[in-house]
C-alpha atoms as a PDB file:
ATOM      1  CA  MET A   1       0.000   0.000   0.000  1.00  0.00           C
ATOM      2  CA  ALA A   2       1.295   3.486  -0.867  1.00  0.00           C
ATOM      3  CA  SER A   3       2.743   5.424   2.063  1.00  0.00           C
ATOM      4  CA  LEU A   4       2.682   9.129   2.830  1.00  0.00           C
ATOM      5  CA  GLN A   5       6.473   9.204   2.529  1.00  0.00           C
ATOM      6  CA  GLN A   6       6.297   7.805  -1.014  1.00  0.00           C
ATOM      7  CA  ILE A   7       3.757  10.465  -1.974  1.00  0.00           C
ATOM      8  CA  LYS A   8       5.963  13.188  -0.469  1.00  0.00           C
ATOM      9  CA  THR A   9       8.922  11.824  -2.424  1.00  0.00           C
ATOM     10  CA  LEU A  10       6.963  11.930  -5.698  1.00  0.00           C
ATOM     11  CA  LEU A  11       5.879  15.526  -5.041  1.00  0.00           C
ATOM     12  CA  SER A  12       9.447  16.553  -4.231  1.00  0.00           C
ATOM     13  CA  VAL A  13      10.713  15.013  -7.477  1.00  0.00           C
ATOM     14  CA  GLN A  14       7.980  16.839  -9.385  1.00  0.00           C
ATOM     15  CA  THR A  15       8.871  20.161  -7.739  1.00  0.00           C
ATOM     16  CA  HIS A  16      12.647  19.865  -8.114  1.00  0.00           C
ATOM     17  CA  GLY A  17      12.721  18.019 -11.444  1.00  0.00           C
ATOM     18  CA  GLY A  18      15.405  15.578 -10.350  1.00  0.00           C
ATOM     19  CA  ILE A  19      16.230  12.667  -8.073  1.00  0.00           C
ATOM     20  CA  HIS A  20      19.306  14.262  -6.470  1.00  0.00           C
ATOM     21  CA  ALA A  21      17.607  17.599  -5.721  1.00  0.00           C
ATOM     22  CA  ALA A  22      14.651  15.790  -4.162  1.00  0.00           C
ATOM     23  CA  ALA A  23      17.038  13.640  -2.136  1.00  0.00           C
ATOM     24  CA  ARG A  24      18.729  16.744  -0.709  1.00  0.00           C
ATOM     25  CA  GLU A  25      15.383  18.251   0.297  1.00  0.00           C
ATOM     26  CA  LEU A  26      14.181  15.012   1.922  1.00  0.00           C
ATOM     27  CA  HIS A  27      17.569  14.206   3.506  1.00  0.00           C
ATOM     28  CA  LEU A  28      17.629  10.845   1.732  1.00  0.00           C
ATOM     29  CA  SER A  29      20.080   9.172  -0.594  1.00  0.00           C
ATOM     30  CA  PRO A  30      19.290   9.288  -4.348  1.00  0.00           C
ATOM     31  CA  SER A  31      18.986   5.488  -4.356  1.00  0.00           C
ATOM     32  CA  ALA A  32      16.397   5.693  -1.561  1.00  0.00           C
ATOM     33  CA  VAL A  33      14.371   8.211  -3.567  1.00  0.00           C
ATOM     34  CA  SER A  34      14.554   6.011  -6.675  1.00  0.00           C
ATOM     35  CA  GLN A  35      13.490   2.975  -4.661  1.00  0.00           C
ATOM     36  CA  GLN A  36      10.479   4.790  -3.201  1.00  0.00           C
ATOM     37  CA  LEU A  37       9.389   5.890  -6.681  1.00  0.00           C
ATOM     38  CA  LYS A  38       9.802   2.343  -7.951  1.00  0.00           C
ATOM     39  CA  CYS A  39       7.722   0.915  -5.087  1.00  0.00           C
ATOM     40  CA  LEU A  40       5.006   3.528  -5.563  1.00  0.00           C
ATOM     41  CA  GLY A  41       4.965   2.843  -9.313  1.00  0.00           C
ATOM     42  CA  SER A  42       4.631  -0.895  -8.644  1.00  0.00           C
ATOM     43  CA  GLU A  43       1.709  -0.172  -6.329  1.00  0.00           C
ATOM     44  CA  CYS A  44       0.047   1.936  -9.043  1.00  0.00           C
ATOM     45  CA  GLY A  45       0.834  -0.500 -11.841  1.00  0.00           C
ATOM     46  CA  PHE A  46       2.525   1.996 -14.169  1.00  0.00           C
ATOM     47  CA  PRO A  47       5.770   4.053 -14.216  1.00  0.00           C
ATOM     48  CA  LEU A  48       5.603   7.445 -12.548  1.00  0.00           C
ATOM     49  CA  VAL A  49       8.765   9.115 -13.908  1.00  0.00           C
ATOM     50  CA  GLU A  50      10.839   9.100 -17.064  1.00  0.00           C
ATOM     51  CA  GLN A  51      14.213  10.524 -18.059  1.00  0.00           C
ATOM     52  CA  GLU A  52      14.389  14.094 -19.361  1.00  0.00           C
ATOM     53  CA  GLY A  53      17.931  15.153 -20.194  1.00  0.00           C
ATOM     54  CA  ARG A  54      19.951  14.951 -17.000  1.00  0.00           C
ATOM     55  CA  GLY A  55      16.849  14.997 -14.840  1.00  0.00           C
ATOM     56  CA  VAL A  56      13.487  13.284 -14.733  1.00  0.00           C
ATOM     57  CA  ARG A  57       9.920  14.318 -15.287  1.00  0.00           C
ATOM     58  CA  LEU A  58       6.623  12.776 -14.306  1.00  0.00           C
ATOM     59  CA  THR A  59       4.767  10.637 -16.823  1.00  0.00           C
ATOM     60  CA  GLU A  60       1.128  11.345 -17.560  1.00  0.00           C
ATOM     61  CA  GLY A  61       0.188   8.744 -14.979  1.00  0.00           C
ATOM     62  CA  GLY A  62       2.673  10.242 -12.529  1.00  0.00           C
ATOM     63  CA  GLU A  63       1.106  13.678 -12.985  1.00  0.00           C
ATOM     64  CA  GLY A  64      -2.280  12.188 -12.115  1.00  0.00           C
ATOM     65  CA  VAL A  65      -0.921  10.580  -8.959  1.00  0.00           C
ATOM     66  CA  ALA A  66       0.822  13.867  -8.074  1.00  0.00           C
ATOM     67  CA  ARG A  67      -2.457  15.790  -8.368  1.00  0.00           C
ATOM     68  CA  ILE A  68      -3.985  13.435  -5.837  1.00  0.00           C
ATOM     69  CA  GLY A  69      -0.851  13.814  -3.721  1.00  0.00           C
ATOM     70  CA  TRP A  70      -1.109  17.606  -3.681  1.00  0.00           C
ATOM     71  CA  GLN A  71      -4.745  17.317  -2.589  1.00  0.00           C
ATOM     72  CA  MET A  72      -3.694  14.957   0.182  1.00  0.00           C
ATOM     73  CA  ALA A  73      -0.934  17.355   1.255  1.00  0.00           C
ATOM     74  CA  GLU A  74      -3.354  20.285   1.219  1.00  0.00           C
ATOM     75  CA  LEU A  75      -5.889  18.339   3.296  1.00  0.00           C
ATOM     76  CA  TRP A  76      -3.105  17.255   5.665  1.00  0.00           C
ATOM     77  CA  GLU A  77      -1.980  20.858   6.208  1.00  0.00           C
ATOM     78  CA  GLN A  78      -5.543  22.065   6.731  1.00  0.00           C
ATOM     79  CA  THR A  79      -6.234  19.330   9.269  1.00  0.00           C
ATOM     80  CA  ILE A  80      -2.969  19.839  11.137  1.00  0.00           C
ATOM     81  CA  GLY A  81      -3.481  23.601  11.051  1.00  0.00           C
ATOM     82  CA  LYS A  82      -6.931  23.323  12.633  1.00  0.00           C
ATOM     83  CA  GLU A  83      -5.574  21.073  15.361  1.00  0.00           C
ATOM     84  CA  ARG A  84      -2.760  23.529  16.052  1.00  0.00           C
ATOM     85  CA  GLU A  85      -5.251  26.388  16.304  1.00  0.00           C
ATOM     86  CA  ARG A  86      -7.428  24.361  18.630  1.00  0.00           C
ATOM     87  CA  SER A  87      -4.515  23.455  20.869  1.00  0.00           C
ATOM     88  CA  GLY A  88      -2.888  26.893  20.648  1.00  0.00           C
ATOM     89  CA  SER A  89       0.297  25.576  19.014  1.00  0.00           C
ATOM     90  CA  PRO A  90       2.029  28.114  16.728  1.00  0.00           C
ATOM     91  CA  LYS A  91       2.053  27.363  13.001  1.00  0.00           C
ATOM     92  CA  PRO A  92       5.595  26.907  11.639  1.00  0.00           C
ATOM     93  CA  LYS A  93       6.652  29.735   9.331  1.00  0.00           C
ATOM     94  CA  ARG A  94       7.435  29.020   5.686  1.00  0.00           C
ATOM     95  CA  HIS A  95      10.093  30.842   3.716  1.00  0.00           C
ATOM     96  CA  VAL A  96       8.622  33.720   1.683  1.00  0.00           C
ATOM     97  CA  VAL A  97      10.066  34.685  -1.717  1.00  0.00           C
ATOM     98  CA  ARG A  98       9.155  38.134  -3.061  1.00  0.00           C
ATOM     99  CA  LEU A  99       9.023  37.737  -6.838  1.00  0.00           C
ATOM    100  CA  GLY A 100       8.595  40.561  -9.336  1.00  0.00           C
ATOM    101  CA  ALA A 101       7.736  40.173 -13.022  1.00  0.00           C
ATOM    102  CA  PHE A 102       6.677  42.404 -15.898  1.00  0.00           C
ATOM    103  CA  PRO A 103       2.994  42.109 -16.921  1.00  0.00           C
ATOM    104  CA  SER A 104       3.243  39.674 -19.845  1.00  0.00           C
ATOM    105  CA  ALA A 105       5.559  37.403 -17.827  1.00  0.00           C
ATOM    106  CA  LEU A 106       3.070  37.429 -14.951  1.00  0.00           C
ATOM    107  CA  GLN A 107       0.250  36.529 -17.315  1.00  0.00           C
ATOM    108  CA  GLY A 108       2.040  34.055 -19.585  1.00  0.00           C
ATOM    109  CA  CYS A 109       4.352  32.314 -17.125  1.00  0.00           C
ATOM    110  CA  VAL A 110       4.238  33.104 -13.393  1.00  0.00           C
ATOM    111  CA  LEU A 111       0.486  32.773 -12.758  1.00  0.00           C
ATOM    112  CA  PRO A 112       0.133  29.599 -14.892  1.00  0.00           C
ATOM    113  CA  ALA A 113       3.164  28.133 -13.099  1.00  0.00           C
ATOM    114  CA  ILE A 114       1.838  28.603  -9.571  1.00  0.00           C
ATOM    115  CA  GLY A 115      -1.646  27.662 -10.693  1.00  0.00           C
ATOM    116  CA  ARG A 116      -0.381  24.342 -12.025  1.00  0.00           C
ATOM    117  CA  ARG A 117       1.298  23.526  -8.708  1.00  0.00           C
ATOM    118  CA  GLN A 118      -0.962  23.076  -5.703  1.00  0.00           C
ATOM    119  CA  ARG A 119       1.881  24.060  -3.384  1.00  0.00           C
ATOM    120  CA  LEU A 120       5.562  24.963  -3.324  1.00  0.00           C
ATOM    121  CA  PRO A 121       8.195  24.424  -0.642  1.00  0.00           C
ATOM    122  CA  PHE A 122       8.004  28.202  -0.030  1.00  0.00           C
ATOM    123  CA  ASP A 123       5.410  30.980  -0.249  1.00  0.00           C
ATOM    124  CA  LEU A 124       5.370  33.598  -3.007  1.00  0.00           C
ATOM    125  CA  GLU A 125       4.545  37.292  -2.853  1.00  0.00           C
ATOM    126  CA  LEU A 126       4.063  38.684  -6.367  1.00  0.00           C
ATOM    127  CA  PHE A 127       4.773  42.196  -7.603  1.00  0.00           C
ATOM    128  CA  GLU A 128       4.328  43.794 -11.028  1.00  0.00           C
ATOM    129  CA  THR A 129       7.441  45.520 -12.362  1.00  0.00           C
ATOM    130  CA  SER A 130       8.693  46.923 -15.635  1.00  0.00           C
ATOM    131  CA  PRO A 131      10.744  44.685 -17.966  1.00  0.00           C
ATOM    132  CA  SER A 132      14.047  46.396 -17.089  1.00  0.00           C
ATOM    133  CA  GLU A 133      13.986  47.204 -13.367  1.00  0.00           C
ATOM    134  CA  GLY A 134      14.263  43.683 -11.915  1.00  0.00           C
ATOM    135  CA  ARG A 135      17.960  43.805 -11.043  1.00  0.00           C
ATOM    136  CA  ASP A 136      17.645  47.237  -9.408  1.00  0.00           C
ATOM    137  CA  LEU A 137      14.770  46.065  -7.195  1.00  0.00           C
ATOM    138  CA  VAL A 138      16.682  42.920  -6.213  1.00  0.00           C
ATOM    139  CA  GLN A 139      19.785  44.965  -5.411  1.00  0.00           C
ATOM    140  CA  ALA A 140      17.722  47.371  -3.301  1.00  0.00           C
ATOM    141  CA  GLY A 141      16.253  44.467  -1.323  1.00  0.00           C
ATOM    142  CA  THR A 142      12.676  45.233  -2.423  1.00  0.00           C
ATOM    143  CA  LEU A 143      12.494  41.837  -4.158  1.00  0.00           C
ATOM    144  CA  ASP A 144      14.187  38.482  -3.631  1.00  0.00           C
ATOM    145  CA  ALA A 145      13.970  37.603  -7.326  1.00  0.00           C
ATOM    146  CA  ALA A 146      12.703  39.168 -10.529  1.00  0.00           C
ATOM    147  CA  VAL A 147      11.656  38.059 -13.996  1.00  0.00           C
ATOM    148  CA  SER A 148      12.955  40.757 -16.324  1.00  0.00           C
ATOM    149  CA  VAL A 149      14.285  41.360 -19.810  1.00  0.00           C
ATOM    150  CA  GLN A 150      18.043  41.098 -20.085  1.00  0.00           C
ATOM    151  CA  GLY A 151      19.452  44.113 -21.857  1.00  0.00           C
ATOM    152  CA  PHE A 152      21.559  43.399 -24.913  1.00  0.00           C
ATOM    153  CA  ASP A 153      24.305  45.524 -23.352  1.00  0.00           C
ATOM    154  CA  ALA A 154      24.024  43.954 -19.878  1.00  0.00           C
ATOM    155  CA  ARG A 155      27.273  43.055 -18.146  1.00  0.00           C
ATOM    156  CA  GLU A 156      27.937  40.113 -15.891  1.00  0.00           C
ATOM    157  CA  ASP A 157      27.907  40.946 -12.180  1.00  0.00           C
ATOM    158  CA  PRO A 158      29.137  38.352  -9.660  1.00  0.00           C
ATOM    159  CA  ARG A 159      26.766  39.782  -7.045  1.00  0.00           C
ATOM    160  CA  PHE A 160      23.801  38.356  -8.960  1.00  0.00           C
ATOM    161  CA  ARG A 161      22.696  34.995 -10.206  1.00  0.00           C
ATOM    162  CA  VAL A 162      21.038  35.372 -13.601  1.00  0.00           C
ATOM    163  CA  SER A 163      19.460  32.356 -15.336  1.00  0.00           C
ATOM    164  CA  SER A 164      17.755  32.389 -18.719  1.00  0.00           C
ATOM    165  CA  LEU A 165      14.041  31.586 -18.909  1.00  0.00           C
ATOM    166  CA  ARG A 166      13.338  32.308 -22.553  1.00  0.00           C
ATOM    167  CA  ARG A 167      15.294  33.682 -25.496  1.00  0.00           C
ATOM    168  CA  ASP A 168      12.841  35.576 -27.693  1.00  0.00           C
ATOM    169  CA  PRO A 169      14.224  36.845 -31.018  1.00  0.00           C
ATOM    170  CA  PHE A 170      12.325  39.544 -32.867  1.00  0.00           C
ATOM    171  CA  VAL A 171      11.154  39.306 -36.460  1.00  0.00           C
ATOM    172  CA  LEU A 172      10.565  42.025 -39.033  1.00  0.00           C
ATOM    173  CA  ALA A 173       6.883  42.166 -40.045  1.00  0.00           C
ATOM    174  CA  ALA A 174       5.583  44.193 -42.971  1.00  0.00           C
ATOM    175  CA  PRO A 175       3.114  43.944 -45.880  1.00  0.00           C
ATOM    176  CA  PRO A 176       4.634  41.725 -48.592  1.00  0.00           C
ATOM    177  CA  SER A 177       4.487  44.407 -51.270  1.00  0.00           C
ATOM    178  CA  LEU A 178       6.313  46.859 -48.986  1.00  0.00           C
ATOM    179  CA  LEU A 179       9.223  44.494 -48.443  1.00  0.00           C
ATOM    180  CA  ALA A 180       9.273  43.645 -52.137  1.00  0.00           C
ATOM    181  CA  MET A 181       9.868  47.328 -52.954  1.00  0.00           C
ATOM    182  CA  ALA A 182      12.610  47.744 -50.310  1.00  0.00           C
ATOM    183  CA  ASP A 183      16.210  47.757 -51.489  1.00  0.00           C
ATOM    184  CA  ARG A 184      17.726  44.470 -50.251  1.00  0.00           C
ATOM    185  CA  SER A 185      21.066  45.220 -51.903  1.00  0.00           C
ATOM    186  CA  SER A 186      21.511  48.070 -49.419  1.00  0.00           C
ATOM    187  CA  PRO A 187      19.720  46.947 -46.223  1.00  0.00           C
ATOM    188  CA  ALA A 188      20.337  50.181 -44.312  1.00  0.00           C
ATOM    189  CA  ARG A 189      18.887  52.285 -47.133  1.00  0.00           C
ATOM    190  CA  GLY A 190      16.067  49.785 -47.714  1.00  0.00           C
ATOM    191  CA  LEU A 191      14.935  49.679 -44.096  1.00  0.00           C
ATOM    192  CA  ALA A 192      15.412  53.411 -43.595  1.00  0.00           C
ATOM    193  CA  GLY A 193      13.119  54.037 -46.546  1.00  0.00           C
ATOM    194  CA  LEU A 194      10.227  52.217 -44.884  1.00  0.00           C
ATOM    195  CA  PRO A 195       7.613  53.759 -42.599  1.00  0.00           C
ATOM    196  CA  TRP A 196       7.782  52.159 -39.139  1.00  0.00           C
ATOM    197  CA  VAL A 197       5.528  51.359 -36.215  1.00  0.00           C
ATOM    198  CA  LEU A 198       7.618  51.639 -33.045  1.00  0.00           C
ATOM    199  CA  PRO A 199       7.081  51.203 -29.297  1.00  0.00           C
ATOM    200  CA  GLN A 200       6.218  54.237 -27.201  1.00  0.00           C
ATOM    201  CA  VAL A 201       9.089  56.670 -26.763  1.00  0.00           C
ATOM    202  CA  GLY A 202      11.236  55.802 -23.758  1.00  0.00           C
ATOM    203  CA  SER A 203       9.930  52.270 -23.268  1.00  0.00           C
ATOM    204  CA  ASP A 204      12.355  49.377 -22.842  1.00  0.00           C
ATOM    205  CA  CYS A 205      11.689  47.945 -26.295  1.00  0.00           C
ATOM    206  CA  ASP A 206      11.872  51.382 -27.889  1.00  0.00           C
ATOM    207  CA  ARG A 207      15.430  51.660 -26.547  1.00  0.00           C
ATOM    208  CA  LEU A 208      16.195  48.096 -27.647  1.00  0.00           C
ATOM    209  CA  ILE A 209      14.989  48.624 -31.226  1.00  0.00           C
ATOM    210  CA  THR A 210      16.323  52.178 -31.565  1.00  0.00           C
ATOM    211  CA  MET A 211      19.829  51.196 -30.435  1.00  0.00           C
ATOM    212  CA  HIS A 212      19.733  48.069 -32.608  1.00  0.00           C
ATOM    213  CA  VAL A 213      18.917  49.910 -35.838  1.00  0.00           C
ATOM    214  CA  ALA A 214      21.392  52.669 -34.945  1.00  0.00           C
ATOM    215  CA  ARG A 215      24.143  50.028 -34.641  1.00  0.00           C
ATOM    216  CA  HIS A 216      23.383  49.012 -38.232  1.00  0.00           C
ATOM    217  CA  GLY A 217      23.300  52.602 -39.480  1.00  0.00           C
ATOM    218  CA  ILE A 218      19.539  52.666 -40.045  1.00  0.00           C
ATOM    219  CA  ALA A 219      17.491  55.817 -39.423  1.00  0.00           C
ATOM    220  CA  VAL A 220      13.830  54.800 -39.086  1.00  0.00           C
ATOM    221  CA  ARG A 221      10.826  57.038 -39.727  1.00  0.00           C
ATOM    222  CA  PRO A 222       7.954  56.296 -37.294  1.00  0.00           C
ATOM    223  CA  VAL A 223       4.353  56.657 -38.502  1.00  0.00           C
ATOM    224  CA  GLY A 224       2.797  55.100 -35.380  1.00  0.00           C
ATOM    225  CA  ARG A 225       3.646  54.054 -31.838  1.00  0.00           C
ATOM    226  CA  THR A 226       2.088  51.567 -29.443  1.00  0.00           C
ATOM    227  CA  ASP A 227       3.089  49.318 -26.551  1.00  0.00           C
ATOM    228  CA  ASP A 228       0.705  46.562 -27.676  1.00  0.00           C
ATOM    229  CA  TRP A 229       2.348  43.971 -29.958  1.00  0.00           C
ATOM    230  CA  GLY A 230      -0.945  42.827 -31.493  1.00  0.00           C
ATOM    231  CA  LEU A 231      -2.042  46.383 -32.215  1.00  0.00           C
ATOM    232  CA  ALA A 232       1.399  47.181 -33.622  1.00  0.00           C
ATOM    233  CA  GLN A 233       0.926  44.516 -36.294  1.00  0.00           C
ATOM    234  CA  GLU A 234      -2.571  45.777 -37.101  1.00  0.00           C
ATOM    235  CA  MET A 235      -1.136  49.274 -37.493  1.00  0.00           C
ATOM    236  CA  ALA A 236       1.588  47.919 -39.776  1.00  0.00           C
ATOM    237  CA  VAL A 237      -1.119  46.507 -42.067  1.00  0.00           C
ATOM    238  CA  ALA A 238      -3.288  49.639 -41.991  1.00  0.00           C
ATOM    239  CA  LEU A 239      -0.400  52.101 -42.405  1.00  0.00           C
ATOM    240  CA  ARG A 240       1.633  49.901 -44.759  1.00  0.00           C
ATOM    241  CA  ALA A 241       4.576  50.045 -42.386  1.00  0.00           C
ATOM    242  CA  ALA A 242       7.263  47.779 -40.930  1.00  0.00           C
ATOM    243  CA  VAL A 243       7.473  46.685 -37.305  1.00  0.00           C
ATOM    244  CA  TYR A 244       9.787  44.575 -35.148  1.00  0.00           C
ATOM    245  CA  VAL A 245       7.858  42.160 -32.898  1.00  0.00           C
ATOM    246  CA  PRO A 246       8.951  39.244 -30.685  1.00  0.00           C
ATOM    247  CA  SER A 247       8.683  35.982 -32.626  1.00  0.00           C
ATOM    248  CA  SER A 248       6.548  34.501 -29.820  1.00  0.00           C
ATOM    249  CA  VAL A 249       3.717  36.967 -30.600  1.00  0.00           C
ATOM    250  CA  ALA A 250       4.079  37.242 -34.375  1.00  0.00           C
ATOM    251  CA  ASP A 251       0.631  37.301 -35.986  1.00  0.00           C
ATOM    252  CA  HIS A 252       1.031  35.111 -39.068  1.00  0.00           C
ATOM    253  CA  ARG A 253      -1.657  36.617 -41.292  1.00  0.00           C
ATOM    254  CA  PRO A 254      -1.549  36.835 -45.108  1.00  0.00           C
ATOM    255  CA  GLU A 255      -1.318  40.634 -44.941  1.00  0.00           C
ATOM    256  CA  LEU A 256       2.092  40.432 -43.255  1.00  0.00           C
ATOM    257  CA  THR A 257       5.405  38.852 -44.167  1.00  0.00           C
ATOM    258  CA  HIS A 258       7.755  37.906 -41.324  1.00  0.00           C
ATOM    259  CA  VAL A 259      11.522  37.707 -41.837  1.00  0.00           C
ATOM    260  CA  GLU A 260      14.315  37.124 -39.314  1.00  0.00           C
ATOM    261  CA  HIS A 261      16.965  38.811 -41.472  1.00  0.00           C
ATOM    262  CA  PHE A 262      16.576  41.504 -44.094  1.00  0.00           C
ATOM    263  CA  GLY A 263      19.453  41.788 -46.476  1.00  0.00           C
ATOM    264  CA  GLY A 264      21.881  40.560 -43.852  1.00  0.00           C
ATOM    265  CA  VAL A 265      20.550  42.806 -41.065  1.00  0.00           C
ATOM    266  CA  PRO A 266      19.455  40.573 -38.151  1.00  0.00           C
ATOM    267  CA  ALA A 267      16.492  41.369 -35.960  1.00  0.00           C
ATOM    268  CA  PRO A 268      17.123  42.288 -32.303  1.00  0.00           C
ATOM    269  CA  VAL A 269      16.834  39.685 -29.559  1.00  0.00           C
ATOM    270  CA  ARG A 270      15.490  39.985 -26.035  1.00  0.00           C
ATOM    271  CA  GLU A 271      16.107  37.411 -23.332  1.00  0.00           C
ATOM    272  CA  VAL A 272      13.815  36.875 -20.343  1.00  0.00           C
ATOM    273  CA  VAL A 273      15.820  36.003 -17.227  1.00  0.00           C
ATOM    274  CA  LEU A 274      15.326  35.220 -13.550  1.00  0.00           C
ATOM    275  CA  THR A 275      17.601  37.295 -11.319  1.00  0.00           C
ATOM    276  CA  ALA A 276      18.420  37.103  -7.606  1.00  0.00           C
ATOM    277  CA  LYS A 277      21.341  37.996  -5.378  1.00  0.00           C
ATOM    278  CA  ALA A 278      24.045  35.350  -5.519  1.00  0.00           C
ATOM    279  CA  THR A 279      24.064  35.089  -1.720  1.00  0.00           C
ATOM    280  CA  ALA A 280      20.297  34.510  -1.573  1.00  0.00           C
ATOM    281  CA  THR A 281      20.220  31.346  -3.678  1.00  0.00           C
ATOM    282  CA  ALA A 282      22.042  28.952  -1.387  1.00  0.00           C
ATOM    283  CA  ASN A 283      18.908  27.464   0.212  1.00  0.00           C
ATOM    284  CA  GLY A 284      17.586  25.990  -3.036  1.00  0.00           C
ATOM    285  CA  TRP A 285      14.484  28.074  -3.708  1.00  0.00           C
ATOM    286  CA  PHE A 286      16.089  29.781  -6.727  1.00  0.00           C
ATOM    287  CA  SER A 287      16.684  26.482  -8.523  1.00  0.00           C
ATOM    288  CA  VAL A 288      13.130  25.297  -7.818  1.00  0.00           C
ATOM    289  CA  LEU A 289      11.640  28.584  -9.043  1.00  0.00           C
ATOM    290  CA  HIS A 290      13.854  28.735 -12.145  1.00  0.00           C
ATOM    291  CA  ARG A 291      13.002  25.176 -13.161  1.00  0.00           C
ATOM    292  CA  LEU A 292       9.282  25.767 -12.644  1.00  0.00           C
ATOM    293  CA  LEU A 293       9.193  29.025 -14.645  1.00  0.00           C
ATOM    294  CA  ARG A 294      11.438  27.669 -17.406  1.00  0.00           C
ATOM    295  CA  ARG A 295       9.219  24.629 -17.918  1.00  0.00           C
ATOM    296  CA  THR A 296       6.104  26.791 -17.933  1.00  0.00           C
ATOM    297  CA  TYR A 297       7.613  29.131 -20.545  1.00  0.00           C
ATOM    298  CA  ASP A 298       8.554  26.118 -22.674  1.00  0.00           C
ATOM    299  CA  ARG A 299       5.109  24.603 -22.261  1.00  0.00           C
ATOM    300  CA  ASN A 300       3.195  27.779 -23.080  1.00  0.00           C
ATOM    301  CA  ALA A 301       5.605  28.806 -25.864  1.00  0.00           C
ATOM    302  CA  GLY A 302       4.726  32.476 -25.603  1.00  0.00           C
ATOM    303  CA  ALA A 303       0.993  32.182 -24.901  1.00  0.00           C
ATOM    304  CA  GLY A 304      -0.339  35.552 -23.910  1.00  0.00           C
ATOM    305  CA  ALA A 305       3.096  37.062 -24.297  1.00  0.00           C
ATOM    306  CA  GLY A 306       2.352  40.304 -26.013  1.00  0.00           C
ATOM    307  CA  ALA A 307      -0.999  41.991 -25.800  1.00  0.00           C
ATOM    308  CA  ALA A 308      -0.842  44.446 -22.967  1.00  0.00           C
ATOM    309  CA  ARG A 309      -4.596  44.841 -23.173  1.00  0.00           C
ATOM    310  CA  ALA A 310      -5.377  41.149 -22.740  1.00  0.00           C
ATOM    311  CA  PRO A 311      -7.222  40.373 -19.478  1.00  0.00           C
ATOM    312  CA  ARG A 312      -5.129  38.715 -16.822  1.00  0.00           C
ATOM    313  CA  PRO A 313      -6.387  35.562 -15.142  1.00  0.00           C
ATOM    314  CA  PRO A 314      -7.223  36.024 -11.444  1.00  0.00           C
ATOM    315  CA  PRO A 315      -4.792  34.438  -8.972  1.00  0.00           C
ATOM    316  CA  ARG A 316      -5.784  31.286  -7.143  1.00  0.00           C
ATOM    317  CA  PRO A 317      -7.594  32.024  -3.881  1.00  0.00           C
ATOM    318  CA  HIS A 318      -4.719  30.754  -1.746  1.00  0.00           C
ATOM    319  CA  ARG A 319      -2.141  32.860  -3.602  1.00  0.00           C
ATOM    320  CA  PRO A 320      -1.499  36.601  -3.157  1.00  0.00           C
ATOM    321  CA  ALA A 321      -2.517  38.828  -6.044  1.00  0.00           C
ATOM    322  CA  PRO A 322       0.230  40.777  -7.841  1.00  0.00           C
ATOM    323  CA  ARG A 323       0.971  44.102  -6.203  1.00  0.00           C
ATOM    324  CA  THR A 324       2.475  47.074  -7.990  1.00  0.00           C
ATOM    325  CA  PRO A 325       5.196  48.970  -6.111  1.00  0.00           C
ATOM    326  CA  PRO A 326       5.157  52.758  -6.683  1.00  0.00           C
ATOM    327  CA  ARG A 327       7.762  52.829  -9.412  1.00  0.00           C
ATOM    328  CA  THR A 328       8.324  53.830 -12.983  1.00  0.00           C
ATOM    329  CA  PRO A 329       5.405  52.516 -15.116  1.00  0.00           C
ATOM    330  CA  PRO A 330       6.175  49.308 -17.018  1.00  0.00           C
ATOM    331  CA  GLY A 331       7.595  49.712 -20.481  1.00  0.00           C
ATOM    332  CA  MET A 332       7.036  47.620 -23.576  1.00  0.00           C
ATOM    333  CA  HIS A 333       6.438  43.940 -22.832  1.00  0.00           C
END
């Protein structure tokens, strides 16, 4: 018969994504963790985990057992909590991680990630930030970690631990006839001769695109500006203009052609990263959070990653809602 310890072991493997990480959390040997998973799988009649690179992931059957396990863990905590309240025993405190993220990352990654997990080995407090201020807020101690956009001119800093979540290259989108008329033999002159839809002046992506085209000697002429990727592509169609958009939100419609390179000029690239102080990651929560967010980004593949006007899903009742610190308004996302 399955034991509570076997269920806890399965949930730890699911959370950490590996046998060795789960073993460290449970203070067991890796062979003991593997044996418990094997025994639980034999009890269920099907395998619960399978290899994934250097780690493991739960099979479809394992995910089903884990869902039941999370419900059991939740019921266990509720029952124990009520008994503690009745007897006057203090509830043990859980580690709290203050996590900031820009709006599209909150919508497309963070909220789906914590919604998919019934519980984590720590509590989360969520804050909405701009795409570029994550490192500053972590350095100031306002946040423990931040999901932000890595600047293309960012320098390595040993005081921080920065791990990639998603590399999102841009593509050039424009009406087919407009690109056909552009001079590909001289990319700088061809792109400079096009009307452009750009992000709002001063936004993070406006700086990214402006500095990128300047590096290639291209002077762009804006005919429209917006911080909404979907609207930017609609404006490109209506105004017969060009626009750079992240590939994850490219609207592949017949009225637009999307190209990664134009006459040898590459499109800019933005990278979404998770940042925390190097000294704050020793207890393991950073690795758990990074693995969870990375897998969610991979699974969603950019879902909901661009439209600033899209409604955000409400947080789960047992999770705190995102709070916005009084800071500079978010830029392009």
